[in-house]
């Protein structure tokens, strides 16, 4: 019974295929010699992160979540508004 609950929980948290593919494609263009920090979890190479996303483990799910949040803020324009000075933001809205 406990085993079934674990399987159900794992399936519930499975990464959607399109989100997984998008994240892997974006990770793949990063330089191989650099490490990427994932919050307080640690630093990883792009290959390590790609492997984690493919496996769909906790770190892989976190990387996908971070990537999707980043893309969402780009789409909404909130990232750009946070970066621009107030006078530049006004020009953007005109």
C-alpha atoms as a PDB file:
ATOM      1  CA  UNK A   1       0.000   0.000   0.000  1.00  0.00           C
ATOM      2  CA  UNK A   2       2.816   2.440   0.883  1.00  0.00           C
ATOM      3  CA  UNK A   3       4.554   1.512  -2.361  1.00  0.00           C
ATOM      4  CA  UNK A   4       1.437   2.445  -4.361  1.00  0.00           C
ATOM      5  CA  UNK A   5       1.269   5.816  -2.591  1.00  0.00           C
ATOM      6  CA  UNK A   6       4.890   6.504  -3.528  1.00  0.00           C
ATOM      7  CA  UNK A   7       4.227   5.607  -7.168  1.00  0.00           C
ATOM      8  CA  UNK A   8       1.156   7.870  -7.241  1.00  0.00           C
ATOM      9  CA  UNK A   9       3.165  10.738  -5.748  1.00  0.00           C
ATOM     10  CA  UNK A  10       5.971  10.257  -8.291  1.00  0.00           C
ATOM     11  CA  UNK A  11       3.504  10.232 -11.199  1.00  0.00           C
ATOM     12  CA  UNK A  12       1.793  13.362  -9.888  1.00  0.00           C
ATOM     13  CA  UNK A  13       5.097  15.233  -9.939  1.00  0.00           C
ATOM     14  CA  UNK A  14       6.232  13.957 -13.331  1.00  0.00           C
ATOM     15  CA  UNK A  15       7.619  16.675 -15.595  1.00  0.00           C
ATOM     16  CA  UNK A  16       5.501  17.282 -18.717  1.00  0.00           C
ATOM     17  CA  UNK A  17       7.349  16.154 -21.855  1.00  0.00           C
ATOM     18  CA  UNK A  18       7.259  19.573 -23.553  1.00  0.00           C
ATOM     19  CA  UNK A  19       8.588  21.353 -20.457  1.00  0.00           C
ATOM     20  CA  UNK A  20      11.332  18.752 -20.159  1.00  0.00           C
ATOM     21  CA  UNK A  21      12.342  19.120 -23.826  1.00  0.00           C
ATOM     22  CA  UNK A  22      12.326  22.923 -23.635  1.00  0.00           C
ATOM     23  CA  UNK A  23      14.456  22.963 -20.497  1.00  0.00           C
ATOM     24  CA  UNK A  24      16.945  20.475 -21.928  1.00  0.00           C
ATOM     25  CA  UNK A  25      17.227  22.479 -25.169  1.00  0.00           C
ATOM     26  CA  UNK A  26      17.923  25.671 -23.231  1.00  0.00           C
ATOM     27  CA  UNK A  27      20.457  23.940 -20.964  1.00  0.00           C
ATOM     28  CA  UNK A  28      22.190  22.391 -23.964  1.00  0.00           C
ATOM     29  CA  UNK A  29      23.315  25.787 -25.318  1.00  0.00           C
ATOM     30  CA  UNK A  30      25.141  26.696 -22.100  1.00  0.00           C
ATOM     31  CA  UNK A  31      28.944  26.410 -22.027  1.00  0.00           C
ATOM     32  CA  UNK A  32      30.164  22.991 -20.863  1.00  0.00           C
ATOM     33  CA  UNK A  33      32.959  24.415 -18.716  1.00  0.00           C
ATOM     34  CA  UNK A  34      30.683  26.476 -16.436  1.00  0.00           C
ATOM     35  CA  UNK A  35      28.748  25.396 -13.354  1.00  0.00           C
ATOM     36  CA  UNK A  36      25.190  26.482 -12.694  1.00  0.00           C
ATOM     37  CA  UNK A  37      24.050  27.200  -9.155  1.00  0.00           C
ATOM     38  CA  UNK A  38      20.608  25.902  -8.227  1.00  0.00           C
ATOM     39  CA  UNK A  39      19.766  27.900  -5.125  1.00  0.00           C
ATOM     40  CA  UNK A  40      21.117  26.362  -1.950  1.00  0.00           C
ATOM     41  CA  UNK A  41      21.040  22.869  -3.504  1.00  0.00           C
ATOM     42  CA  UNK A  42      24.464  23.224  -5.097  1.00  0.00           C
ATOM     43  CA  UNK A  43      26.363  23.716  -8.347  1.00  0.00           C
ATOM     44  CA  UNK A  44      26.009  21.492 -11.388  1.00  0.00           C
ATOM     45  CA  UNK A  45      27.407  21.208 -14.888  1.00  0.00           C
ATOM     46  CA  UNK A  46      24.940  21.500 -17.735  1.00  0.00           C
ATOM     47  CA  UNK A  47      25.287  17.767 -18.395  1.00  0.00           C
ATOM     48  CA  UNK A  48      24.439  16.977 -14.771  1.00  0.00           C
ATOM     49  CA  UNK A  49      21.353  19.197 -14.948  1.00  0.00           C
ATOM     50  CA  UNK A  50      20.237  17.682 -18.252  1.00  0.00           C
ATOM     51  CA  UNK A  51      20.558  14.230 -16.696  1.00  0.00           C
ATOM     52  CA  UNK A  52      18.511  15.330 -13.660  1.00  0.00           C
ATOM     53  CA  UNK A  53      15.779  16.789 -15.875  1.00  0.00           C
ATOM     54  CA  UNK A  54      15.682  13.603 -17.967  1.00  0.00           C
ATOM     55  CA  UNK A  55      15.377  11.496 -14.791  1.00  0.00           C
ATOM     56  CA  UNK A  56      12.735  13.844 -13.406  1.00  0.00           C
ATOM     57  CA  UNK A  57      14.173  13.822  -9.901  1.00  0.00           C
ATOM     58  CA  UNK A  58      13.716  16.631  -7.372  1.00  0.00           C
ATOM     59  CA  UNK A  59      16.570  18.714  -8.779  1.00  0.00           C
ATOM     60  CA  UNK A  60      15.355  18.162 -12.342  1.00  0.00           C
ATOM     61  CA  UNK A  61      11.863  19.311 -11.382  1.00  0.00           C
ATOM     62  CA  UNK A  62      13.316  22.384  -9.679  1.00  0.00           C
ATOM     63  CA  UNK A  63      15.363  23.288 -12.775  1.00  0.00           C
ATOM     64  CA  UNK A  64      12.244  23.001 -14.960  1.00  0.00           C
ATOM     65  CA  UNK A  65      10.283  25.134 -12.482  1.00  0.00           C
ATOM     66  CA  UNK A  66      12.998  27.816 -12.517  1.00  0.00           C
ATOM     67  CA  UNK A  67      13.161  27.792 -16.314  1.00  0.00           C
ATOM     68  CA  UNK A  68       9.394  28.036 -16.758  1.00  0.00           C
ATOM     69  CA  UNK A  69       9.171  30.874 -14.209  1.00  0.00           C
ATOM     70  CA  UNK A  70      11.934  32.730 -16.055  1.00  0.00           C
ATOM     71  CA  UNK A  71      10.167  32.351 -19.398  1.00  0.00           C
ATOM     72  CA  UNK A  72       6.853  33.399 -17.840  1.00  0.00           C
ATOM     73  CA  UNK A  73       8.384  36.636 -16.506  1.00  0.00           C
ATOM     74  CA  UNK A  74       9.868  37.335 -19.938  1.00  0.00           C
ATOM     75  CA  UNK A  75       6.488  36.833 -21.585  1.00  0.00           C
ATOM     76  CA  UNK A  76       4.716  39.061 -19.058  1.00  0.00           C
ATOM     77  CA  UNK A  77       7.373  41.739 -19.394  1.00  0.00           C
ATOM     78  CA  UNK A  78       7.860  41.953 -15.639  1.00  0.00           C
ATOM     79  CA  UNK A  79      11.541  41.042 -15.889  1.00  0.00           C
ATOM     80  CA  UNK A  80      12.196  43.878 -18.312  1.00  0.00           C
ATOM     81  CA  UNK A  81      10.227  46.337 -16.145  1.00  0.00           C
ATOM     82  CA  UNK A  82      12.316  45.344 -13.120  1.00  0.00           C
ATOM     83  CA  UNK A  83      15.554  45.933 -15.036  1.00  0.00           C
ATOM     84  CA  UNK A  84      14.693  49.228 -16.715  1.00  0.00           C
ATOM     85  CA  UNK A  85      14.981  52.608 -15.027  1.00  0.00           C
ATOM     86  CA  UNK A  86      11.610  54.386 -14.576  1.00  0.00           C
ATOM     87  CA  UNK A  87      12.196  56.732 -17.552  1.00  0.00           C
ATOM     88  CA  UNK A  88      13.129  53.805 -19.826  1.00  0.00           C
ATOM     89  CA  UNK A  89      10.005  51.920 -18.775  1.00  0.00           C
ATOM     90  CA  UNK A  90       7.862  54.881 -19.773  1.00  0.00           C
ATOM     91  CA  UNK A  91       9.486  54.905 -23.238  1.00  0.00           C
ATOM     92  CA  UNK A  92       8.787  51.186 -23.563  1.00  0.00           C
ATOM     93  CA  UNK A  93       5.089  51.716 -22.853  1.00  0.00           C
ATOM     94  CA  UNK A  94       4.711  54.491 -25.459  1.00  0.00           C
END
